[in-house]
C-alpha atoms as a PDB file:
ATOM      1  CA  MET A   1      47.536 -52.872 -48.321  1.00  0.00           C
ATOM      2  CA  ALA A   2      45.869 -50.062 -46.396  1.00  0.00           C
ATOM      3  CA  SER A   3      45.728 -49.165 -42.715  1.00  0.00           C
ATOM      4  CA  ALA A   4      44.013 -46.273 -40.954  1.00  0.00           C
ATOM      5  CA  THR A   5      44.112 -45.208 -37.333  1.00  0.00           C
ATOM      6  CA  ALA A   6      40.869 -44.877 -35.428  1.00  0.00           C
ATOM      7  CA  ARG A   7      41.336 -41.117 -35.113  1.00  0.00           C
ATOM      8  CA  PRO A   8      43.878 -38.593 -36.429  1.00  0.00           C
ATOM      9  CA  GLY A   9      46.845 -38.256 -34.101  1.00  0.00           C
ATOM     10  CA  ARG A  10      46.295 -41.658 -32.522  1.00  0.00           C
ATOM     11  CA  VAL A  11      48.954 -44.374 -32.730  1.00  0.00           C
ATOM     12  CA  ASN A  12      47.983 -47.228 -35.031  1.00  0.00           C
ATOM     13  CA  GLU A  13      47.964 -50.541 -33.145  1.00  0.00           C
ATOM     14  CA  ASP A  14      47.593 -52.655 -36.303  1.00  0.00           C
ATOM     15  CA  PHE A  15      50.440 -53.945 -38.445  1.00  0.00           C
ATOM     16  CA  THR A  16      50.583 -55.558 -41.858  1.00  0.00           C
ATOM     17  CA  GLY A  17      53.383 -56.572 -44.183  1.00  0.00           C
ATOM     18  CA  ALA A  18      54.497 -59.105 -46.746  1.00  0.00           C
ATOM     19  CA  VAL A  19      57.495 -61.046 -47.968  1.00  0.00           C
ATOM     20  CA  PRO A  20      57.598 -63.115 -51.167  1.00  0.00           C
ATOM     21  CA  GLY A  21      54.999 -65.844 -50.748  1.00  0.00           C
ATOM     22  CA  ALA A  22      53.516 -64.694 -47.425  1.00  0.00           C
ATOM     23  CA  ALA A  23      51.541 -61.881 -45.818  1.00  0.00           C
ATOM     24  CA  VAL A  24      50.847 -61.064 -42.166  1.00  0.00           C
ATOM     25  CA  LEU A  25      48.289 -58.904 -40.356  1.00  0.00           C
ATOM     26  CA  ILE A  26      48.499 -58.138 -36.621  1.00  0.00           C
ATOM     27  CA  ASP A  27      45.733 -56.433 -34.625  1.00  0.00           C
ATOM     28  CA  GLY A  28      47.191 -55.219 -31.341  1.00  0.00           C
ATOM     29  CA  ALA A  29      45.074 -55.340 -28.191  1.00  0.00           C
ATOM     30  CA  GLY A  30      45.391 -53.589 -24.857  1.00  0.00           C
ATOM     31  CA  ILE A  31      43.267 -52.053 -22.134  1.00  0.00           C
ATOM     32  CA  PRO A  32      43.704 -48.881 -20.069  1.00  0.00           C
ATOM     33  CA  GLY A  33      46.521 -49.267 -17.575  1.00  0.00           C
ATOM     34  CA  ALA A  34      48.677 -51.463 -19.809  1.00  0.00           C
ATOM     35  CA  GLU A  35      51.398 -48.814 -19.815  1.00  0.00           C
ATOM     36  CA  SER A  36      51.906 -49.510 -16.104  1.00  0.00           C
ATOM     37  CA  VAL A  37      53.068 -53.072 -16.833  1.00  0.00           C
ATOM     38  CA  CYS A  38      54.697 -52.642 -20.267  1.00  0.00           C
ATOM     39  CA  ARG A  39      56.646 -49.517 -21.133  1.00  0.00           C
ATOM     40  CA  HIS A  40      56.632 -50.355 -24.849  1.00  0.00           C
ATOM     41  CA  GLY A  41      52.891 -50.378 -25.541  1.00  0.00           C
ATOM     42  CA  VAL A  42      50.504 -52.166 -27.873  1.00  0.00           C
ATOM     43  CA  SER A  43      51.750 -50.613 -31.115  1.00  0.00           C
ATOM     44  CA  TRP A  44      55.315 -51.713 -30.350  1.00  0.00           C
ATOM     45  CA  TYR A  45      54.144 -55.249 -29.611  1.00  0.00           C
ATOM     46  CA  ALA A  46      52.068 -55.506 -32.795  1.00  0.00           C
ATOM     47  CA  THR A  47      54.860 -54.131 -34.979  1.00  0.00           C
ATOM     48  CA  ARG A  48      57.540 -56.246 -33.335  1.00  0.00           C
ATOM     49  CA  LEU A  49      55.481 -59.417 -33.593  1.00  0.00           C
ATOM     50  CA  GLY A  50      54.548 -58.747 -37.217  1.00  0.00           C
ATOM     51  CA  GLY A  51      58.107 -57.957 -38.269  1.00  0.00           C
ATOM     52  CA  THR A  52      59.510 -60.995 -36.480  1.00  0.00           C
ATOM     53  CA  LEU A  53      56.862 -63.233 -37.976  1.00  0.00           C
ATOM     54  CA  LEU A  54      57.605 -61.972 -41.492  1.00  0.00           C
ATOM     55  CA  GLY A  55      61.309 -62.604 -41.015  1.00  0.00           C
ATOM     56  CA  LEU A  56      60.689 -66.155 -39.871  1.00  0.00           C
ATOM     57  CA  LEU A  57      58.259 -66.827 -42.718  1.00  0.00           C
ATOM     58  CA  ALA A  58      60.891 -65.717 -45.209  1.00  0.00           C
ATOM     59  CA  LEU A  59      63.420 -68.157 -43.769  1.00  0.00           C
ATOM     60  CA  ALA A  60      61.360 -71.139 -42.567  1.00  0.00           C
ATOM     61  CA  ARG A  61      59.224 -71.860 -45.601  1.00  0.00           C
ATOM     62  CA  ASP A  62      58.739 -75.533 -44.702  1.00  0.00           C
ATOM     63  CA  GLN A  63      57.946 -75.019 -41.013  1.00  0.00           C
ATOM     64  CA  PRO A  64      54.274 -75.346 -39.954  1.00  0.00           C
ATOM     65  CA  LEU A  65      52.594 -71.970 -39.465  1.00  0.00           C
ATOM     66  CA  ARG A  66      51.780 -72.664 -35.813  1.00  0.00           C
ATOM     67  CA  ALA A  67      55.459 -73.371 -35.128  1.00  0.00           C
ATOM     68  CA  VAL A  68      56.501 -70.166 -36.908  1.00  0.00           C
ATOM     69  CA  LEU A  69      54.045 -68.135 -34.833  1.00  0.00           C
ATOM     70  CA  ALA A  70      55.212 -69.808 -31.600  1.00  0.00           C
ATOM     71  CA  ASP A  71      58.820 -68.874 -32.437  1.00  0.00           C
ATOM     72  CA  ALA A  72      57.803 -65.272 -33.138  1.00  0.00           C
ATOM     73  CA  ILE A  73      55.892 -64.963 -29.844  1.00  0.00           C
ATOM     74  CA  GLU A  74      58.851 -66.380 -27.927  1.00  0.00           C
ATOM     75  CA  GLN A  75      61.328 -64.024 -29.594  1.00  0.00           C
ATOM     76  CA  VAL A  76      59.245 -60.898 -28.947  1.00  0.00           C
ATOM     77  CA  THR A  77      58.504 -61.942 -25.365  1.00  0.00           C
ATOM     78  CA  SER A  78      62.234 -62.372 -24.758  1.00  0.00           C
ATOM     79  CA  GLU A  79      62.836 -58.820 -25.987  1.00  0.00           C
ATOM     80  CA  HIS A  80      60.855 -57.247 -23.145  1.00  0.00           C
ATOM     81  CA  ARG A  81      60.582 -59.962 -20.501  1.00  0.00           C
ATOM     82  CA  HIS A  82      63.214 -58.268 -18.310  1.00  0.00           C
ATOM     83  CA  SER A  83      61.783 -54.748 -18.561  1.00  0.00           C
ATOM     84  CA  CYS A  84      58.029 -55.410 -18.521  1.00  0.00           C
ATOM     85  CA  ASP A  85      55.549 -57.632 -16.680  1.00  0.00           C
ATOM     86  CA  VAL A  86      54.733 -59.725 -19.724  1.00  0.00           C
ATOM     87  CA  THR A  87      52.589 -62.194 -17.768  1.00  0.00           C
ATOM     88  CA  ASP A  88      50.188 -59.575 -16.411  1.00  0.00           C
ATOM     89  CA  PRO A  89      46.692 -60.087 -17.914  1.00  0.00           C
ATOM     90  CA  ILE A  90      46.606 -56.498 -19.212  1.00  0.00           C
ATOM     91  CA  SER A  91      50.014 -56.536 -20.925  1.00  0.00           C
ATOM     92  CA  PRO A  92      49.892 -56.087 -24.728  1.00  0.00           C
ATOM     93  CA  SER A  93      48.582 -58.893 -26.902  1.00  0.00           C
ATOM     94  CA  ALA A  94      47.420 -59.300 -30.491  1.00  0.00           C
ATOM     95  CA  SER A  95      45.321 -61.291 -32.910  1.00  0.00           C
ATOM     96  CA  VAL A  96      47.124 -62.692 -35.941  1.00  0.00           C
ATOM     97  CA  ALA A  97      46.237 -63.574 -39.531  1.00  0.00           C
ATOM     98  CA  VAL A  98      48.713 -65.151 -41.955  1.00  0.00           C
ATOM     99  CA  VAL A  99      48.584 -66.449 -45.505  1.00  0.00           C
ATOM    100  CA  ARG A 100      51.465 -68.331 -47.127  1.00  0.00           C
ATOM    101  CA  VAL A 101      51.658 -69.723 -50.641  1.00  0.00           C
ATOM    102  CA  SER A 102      53.658 -72.915 -50.863  1.00  0.00           C
ATOM    103  CA  GLU A 103      53.834 -74.572 -54.267  1.00  0.00           C
ATOM    104  CA  ASP A 104      50.170 -75.157 -55.193  1.00  0.00           C
ATOM    105  CA  LEU A 105      48.633 -74.477 -51.753  1.00  0.00           C
ATOM    106  CA  ALA A 106      47.522 -71.310 -49.982  1.00  0.00           C
ATOM    107  CA  GLU A 107      48.002 -71.951 -46.263  1.00  0.00           C
ATOM    108  CA  TYR A 108      46.311 -69.785 -43.638  1.00  0.00           C
ATOM    109  CA  LEU A 109      46.512 -69.211 -39.895  1.00  0.00           C
ATOM    110  CA  VAL A 110      44.211 -67.129 -37.698  1.00  0.00           C
ATOM    111  CA  LEU A 111      44.602 -66.567 -33.958  1.00  0.00           C
ATOM    112  CA  GLY A 112      41.937 -64.332 -32.426  1.00  0.00           C
ATOM    113  CA  ASP A 113      39.282 -62.249 -34.152  1.00  0.00           C
ATOM    114  CA  SER A 114      41.197 -61.098 -37.217  1.00  0.00           C
ATOM    115  CA  TYR A 115      40.090 -62.572 -40.545  1.00  0.00           C
ATOM    116  CA  ALA A 116      41.503 -64.469 -43.490  1.00  0.00           C
ATOM    117  CA  VAL A 117      39.121 -64.593 -46.451  1.00  0.00           C
ATOM    118  CA  LEU A 118      39.856 -66.858 -49.410  1.00  0.00           C
ATOM    119  CA  ASP A 119      38.213 -65.518 -52.548  1.00  0.00           C
ATOM    120  CA  ARG A 120      37.099 -68.617 -54.447  1.00  0.00           C
ATOM    121  CA  ALA A 121      36.386 -68.245 -58.139  1.00  0.00           C
ATOM    122  CA  HIS A 122      33.460 -70.645 -57.827  1.00  0.00           C
ATOM    123  CA  GLY A 123      31.313 -70.541 -54.716  1.00  0.00           C
ATOM    124  CA  THR A 124      31.221 -68.261 -51.704  1.00  0.00           C
ATOM    125  CA  PRO A 125      34.418 -67.025 -50.026  1.00  0.00           C
ATOM    126  CA  LEU A 126      35.963 -69.176 -47.310  1.00  0.00           C
ATOM    127  CA  VAL A 127      35.958 -66.989 -44.171  1.00  0.00           C
ATOM    128  CA  ILE A 128      38.261 -67.889 -41.282  1.00  0.00           C
ATOM    129  CA  THR A 129      38.195 -66.237 -37.854  1.00  0.00           C
ATOM    130  CA  ASP A 130      38.154 -67.285 -34.202  1.00  0.00           C
ATOM    131  CA  ARG A 131      34.923 -66.299 -32.461  1.00  0.00           C
ATOM    132  CA  ARG A 132      35.858 -67.380 -28.928  1.00  0.00           C
ATOM    133  CA  GLU A 133      36.692 -63.898 -27.631  1.00  0.00           C
ATOM    134  CA  VAL A 134      33.541 -62.454 -29.194  1.00  0.00           C
ATOM    135  CA  THR A 135      31.419 -65.180 -27.608  1.00  0.00           C
ATOM    136  CA  ILE A 136      32.951 -64.790 -24.145  1.00  0.00           C
ATOM    137  CA  SER A 137      32.804 -60.975 -24.317  1.00  0.00           C
ATOM    138  CA  ARG A 138      29.030 -61.057 -24.674  1.00  0.00           C
ATOM    139  CA  ALA A 139      28.719 -62.226 -21.073  1.00  0.00           C
ATOM    140  CA  TYR A 140      30.552 -59.086 -19.907  1.00  0.00           C
ATOM    141  CA  GLN A 141      29.050 -56.562 -22.321  1.00  0.00           C
ATOM    142  CA  ALA A 142      25.817 -56.107 -20.386  1.00  0.00           C
ATOM    143  CA  LYS A 143      27.811 -55.395 -17.211  1.00  0.00           C
ATOM    144  CA  LEU A 144      30.011 -52.877 -18.993  1.00  0.00           C
ATOM    145  CA  GLU A 145      26.955 -50.985 -20.225  1.00  0.00           C
ATOM    146  CA  THR A 146      25.754 -50.439 -16.628  1.00  0.00           C
ATOM    147  CA  VAL A 147      28.888 -48.628 -15.393  1.00  0.00           C
ATOM    148  CA  PRO A 148      30.572 -45.392 -16.528  1.00  0.00           C
ATOM    149  CA  GLU A 149      33.385 -45.881 -19.022  1.00  0.00           C
ATOM    150  CA  GLY A 150      36.733 -45.386 -17.330  1.00  0.00           C
ATOM    151  CA  SER A 151      35.375 -45.965 -13.834  1.00  0.00           C
ATOM    152  CA  ALA A 152      36.903 -48.389 -11.343  1.00  0.00           C
ATOM    153  CA  ASP A 153      34.035 -50.815 -11.988  1.00  0.00           C
ATOM    154  CA  HIS A 154      34.603 -50.539 -15.740  1.00  0.00           C
ATOM    155  CA  HIS A 155      38.291 -51.431 -15.328  1.00  0.00           C
ATOM    156  CA  ARG A 156      37.421 -54.293 -12.962  1.00  0.00           C
ATOM    157  CA  ILE A 157      35.003 -55.853 -15.461  1.00  0.00           C
ATOM    158  CA  LEU A 158      37.590 -55.538 -18.222  1.00  0.00           C
ATOM    159  CA  ARG A 159      40.176 -57.222 -16.003  1.00  0.00           C
ATOM    160  CA  ASP A 160      37.721 -60.052 -15.330  1.00  0.00           C
ATOM    161  CA  LEU A 161      37.177 -60.427 -19.073  1.00  0.00           C
ATOM    162  CA  ARG A 162      40.909 -60.458 -19.803  1.00  0.00           C
ATOM    163  CA  ALA A 163      41.397 -63.169 -17.175  1.00  0.00           C
ATOM    164  CA  ASN A 164      39.829 -65.544 -19.722  1.00  0.00           C
ATOM    165  CA  ARG A 165      42.658 -64.847 -22.159  1.00  0.00           C
ATOM    166  CA  ASN A 166      44.969 -67.754 -22.962  1.00  0.00           C
ATOM    167  CA  GLN A 167      43.190 -70.020 -20.505  1.00  0.00           C
ATOM    168  CA  PRO A 168      41.472 -73.375 -21.131  1.00  0.00           C
ATOM    169  CA  GLY A 169      37.840 -72.654 -21.929  1.00  0.00           C
ATOM    170  CA  GLY A 170      38.687 -69.031 -22.709  1.00  0.00           C
ATOM    171  CA  PHE A 171      40.036 -67.271 -25.791  1.00  0.00           C
ATOM    172  CA  TRP A 172      43.529 -67.174 -27.236  1.00  0.00           C
ATOM    173  CA  LEU A 173      45.790 -64.393 -28.507  1.00  0.00           C
ATOM    174  CA  ALA A 174      49.472 -63.844 -29.133  1.00  0.00           C
ATOM    175  CA  LYS A 175      50.990 -62.485 -25.912  1.00  0.00           C
ATOM    176  CA  ASP A 176      53.777 -63.973 -23.779  1.00  0.00           C
ATOM    177  CA  ASP A 177      53.059 -67.703 -24.106  1.00  0.00           C
ATOM    178  CA  PRO A 178      54.173 -69.341 -27.364  1.00  0.00           C
ATOM    179  CA  GLY A 179      51.837 -72.221 -26.548  1.00  0.00           C
ATOM    180  CA  ALA A 180      48.936 -69.989 -27.603  1.00  0.00           C
ATOM    181  CA  ALA A 181      49.955 -70.671 -31.204  1.00  0.00           C
ATOM    182  CA  ASP A 182      48.711 -74.246 -30.790  1.00  0.00           C
ATOM    183  CA  GLU A 183      45.184 -72.793 -30.550  1.00  0.00           C
ATOM    184  CA  ALA A 184      45.387 -71.006 -33.912  1.00  0.00           C
ATOM    185  CA  ILE A 185      43.007 -72.053 -36.678  1.00  0.00           C
ATOM    186  CA  THR A 186      44.983 -73.361 -39.652  1.00  0.00           C
ATOM    187  CA  GLY A 187      44.224 -74.919 -43.006  1.00  0.00           C
ATOM    188  CA  SER A 188      44.972 -74.729 -46.701  1.00  0.00           C
ATOM    189  CA  SER A 189      43.294 -74.510 -50.076  1.00  0.00           C
ATOM    190  CA  PRO A 190      44.571 -75.197 -53.599  1.00  0.00           C
ATOM    191  CA  VAL A 191      45.801 -72.024 -55.264  1.00  0.00           C
ATOM    192  CA  ARG A 192      44.008 -73.070 -58.411  1.00  0.00           C
ATOM    193  CA  GLY A 193      40.483 -71.738 -58.144  1.00  0.00           C
ATOM    194  CA  LEU A 194      41.387 -68.820 -55.832  1.00  0.00           C
ATOM    195  CA  ARG A 195      41.142 -65.245 -57.084  1.00  0.00           C
ATOM    196  CA  GLY A 196      42.978 -63.993 -54.034  1.00  0.00           C
ATOM    197  CA  VAL A 197      43.111 -63.773 -50.247  1.00  0.00           C
ATOM    198  CA  ALA A 198      42.272 -60.900 -47.916  1.00  0.00           C
ATOM    199  CA  LEU A 199      43.495 -60.366 -44.356  1.00  0.00           C
ATOM    200  CA  LEU A 200      41.465 -57.963 -42.189  1.00  0.00           C
ATOM    201  CA  SER A 201      41.640 -56.590 -38.668  1.00  0.00           C
ATOM    202  CA  ASN A 202      38.355 -56.571 -36.781  1.00  0.00           C
ATOM    203  CA  GLY A 203      38.180 -52.822 -37.318  1.00  0.00           C
ATOM    204  CA  ALA A 204      37.897 -53.465 -41.060  1.00  0.00           C
ATOM    205  CA  SER A 205      35.778 -56.625 -40.985  1.00  0.00           C
ATOM    206  CA  ARG A 206      32.980 -54.750 -39.172  1.00  0.00           C
ATOM    207  CA  ILE A 207      31.708 -53.565 -42.580  1.00  0.00           C
ATOM    208  CA  VAL A 208      30.383 -57.143 -42.886  1.00  0.00           C
ATOM    209  CA  ASP A 209      30.168 -58.748 -39.446  1.00  0.00           C
ATOM    210  CA  ARG A 210      28.925 -55.725 -37.465  1.00  0.00           C
ATOM    211  CA  PHE A 211      27.229 -53.269 -39.790  1.00  0.00           C
ATOM    212  CA  GLY A 212      26.026 -55.696 -42.462  1.00  0.00           C
ATOM    213  CA  GLN A 213      26.778 -53.128 -45.152  1.00  0.00           C
ATOM    214  CA  ALA A 214      28.172 -55.811 -47.452  1.00  0.00           C
ATOM    215  CA  SER A 215      28.375 -59.561 -47.769  1.00  0.00           C
ATOM    216  CA  TRP A 216      31.769 -61.232 -47.929  1.00  0.00           C
ATOM    217  CA  GLU A 217      31.241 -61.723 -51.654  1.00  0.00           C
ATOM    218  CA  GLU A 218      30.517 -58.015 -52.098  1.00  0.00           C
ATOM    219  CA  MET A 219      33.491 -56.983 -49.987  1.00  0.00           C
ATOM    220  CA  MET A 220      35.847 -59.148 -52.028  1.00  0.00           C
ATOM    221  CA  ALA A 221      34.406 -57.638 -55.208  1.00  0.00           C
ATOM    222  CA  VAL A 222      35.188 -54.151 -53.833  1.00  0.00           C
ATOM    223  CA  LEU A 223      38.747 -55.255 -53.091  1.00  0.00           C
ATOM    224  CA  ARG A 224      39.174 -56.576 -56.620  1.00  0.00           C
ATOM    225  CA  SER A 225      37.779 -53.444 -58.248  1.00  0.00           C
ATOM    226  CA  SER A 226      38.822 -50.601 -55.933  1.00  0.00           C
ATOM    227  CA  GLY A 227      41.264 -51.941 -53.345  1.00  0.00           C
ATOM    228  CA  PRO A 228      41.638 -51.835 -49.537  1.00  0.00           C
ATOM    229  CA  LEU A 229      41.298 -48.051 -49.175  1.00  0.00           C
ATOM    230  CA  GLU A 230      37.723 -48.205 -50.463  1.00  0.00           C
ATOM    231  CA  VAL A 231      36.809 -50.890 -47.922  1.00  0.00           C
ATOM    232  CA  ILE A 232      38.167 -48.740 -45.097  1.00  0.00           C
ATOM    233  CA  ALA A 233      36.352 -45.667 -46.444  1.00  0.00           C
ATOM    234  CA  ARG A 234      33.087 -47.605 -46.362  1.00  0.00           C
ATOM    235  CA  VAL A 235      33.815 -48.714 -42.793  1.00  0.00           C
ATOM    236  CA  ARG A 236      34.308 -45.102 -41.722  1.00  0.00           C
ATOM    237  CA  ARG A 237      31.039 -44.039 -43.355  1.00  0.00           C
ATOM    238  CA  ALA A 238      29.185 -46.884 -41.630  1.00  0.00           C
ATOM    239  CA  GLU A 239      30.711 -45.953 -38.257  1.00  0.00           C
ATOM    240  CA  ALA A 240      29.615 -42.339 -38.711  1.00  0.00           C
ATOM    241  CA  ARG A 241      26.052 -43.335 -39.614  1.00  0.00           C
ATOM    242  CA  ASP A 242      25.841 -45.745 -36.675  1.00  0.00           C
ATOM    243  CA  GLY A 243      27.511 -43.448 -34.147  1.00  0.00           C
ATOM    244  CA  THR A 244      30.091 -46.166 -33.444  1.00  0.00           C
ATOM    245  CA  THR A 245      33.519 -45.314 -32.066  1.00  0.00           C
ATOM    246  CA  PRO A 246      36.063 -45.918 -34.869  1.00  0.00           C
ATOM    247  CA  ASP A 247      38.729 -48.580 -34.559  1.00  0.00           C
ATOM    248  CA  ASP A 248      42.050 -49.028 -36.319  1.00  0.00           C
ATOM    249  CA  ALA A 249      41.233 -50.670 -39.654  1.00  0.00           C
ATOM    250  CA  THR A 250      43.685 -52.637 -41.768  1.00  0.00           C
ATOM    251  CA  VAL A 251      43.256 -54.675 -44.955  1.00  0.00           C
ATOM    252  CA  THR A 252      45.764 -56.630 -47.029  1.00  0.00           C
ATOM    253  CA  HIS A 253      44.574 -58.020 -50.361  1.00  0.00           C
ATOM    254  CA  CYS A 254      46.692 -60.610 -52.173  1.00  0.00           C
ATOM    255  CA  SER A 255      45.291 -60.689 -55.676  1.00  0.00           C
ATOM    256  CA  ASP A 256      47.879 -62.898 -57.384  1.00  0.00           C
ATOM    257  CA  LEU A 257      48.881 -66.044 -55.520  1.00  0.00           C
ATOM    258  CA  ARG A 258      51.273 -67.375 -58.137  1.00  0.00           C
ATOM    259  CA  LEU A 259      54.859 -67.780 -56.954  1.00  0.00           C
END
């Protein structure tokens, strides 16, 4: 596992962890002004959700992954429902990626734009992510580019974008509604034939899906040979060359799926 903040001194809003047979990655999301509706913040939400999810995965090994995620969202929401406006569109939320090995199957769950990548020994990797937020955001990106960052218009456009969150026809993230877990992408693959599984936040996946500096096959080869820190180092070099603002970047690589 490796995780790096976007900039030195900044709080990391990603979380990753593992228990025997399962791993979790959380990519926290928030927009300016969120502190006015939630005193805890995005990092707290991501860490709390990830830790709760890991605890439930350790105990409920036979429960469907969507049900486990729904329980985790409900528990974390209950922790700050009475002190924060958890239903406000700008309150903290997160994308989620999970892998769980159960007997001879590797199960996965992805909610939002994090990634689970199954490294198949024969054939190309199986790449799982949810593109709905990316697709919807494109309609707002052109508007955002016409107004100064941090301006009232900039905040208004972001609020309009976030109004699509956890709505029919919109995009789905972990937030206050456990029903969002029903929208997660789930599936499984036989452990036999897999060299491993990687979980990535969108700050780490950009080495492939944004910068095109590697294919998924090449990225998995880097993970096998050099590990997650090398992937993040390559992301930072690509961001510097492109002049792109860095993002928190987190990678978990499960290289041995045997129980």
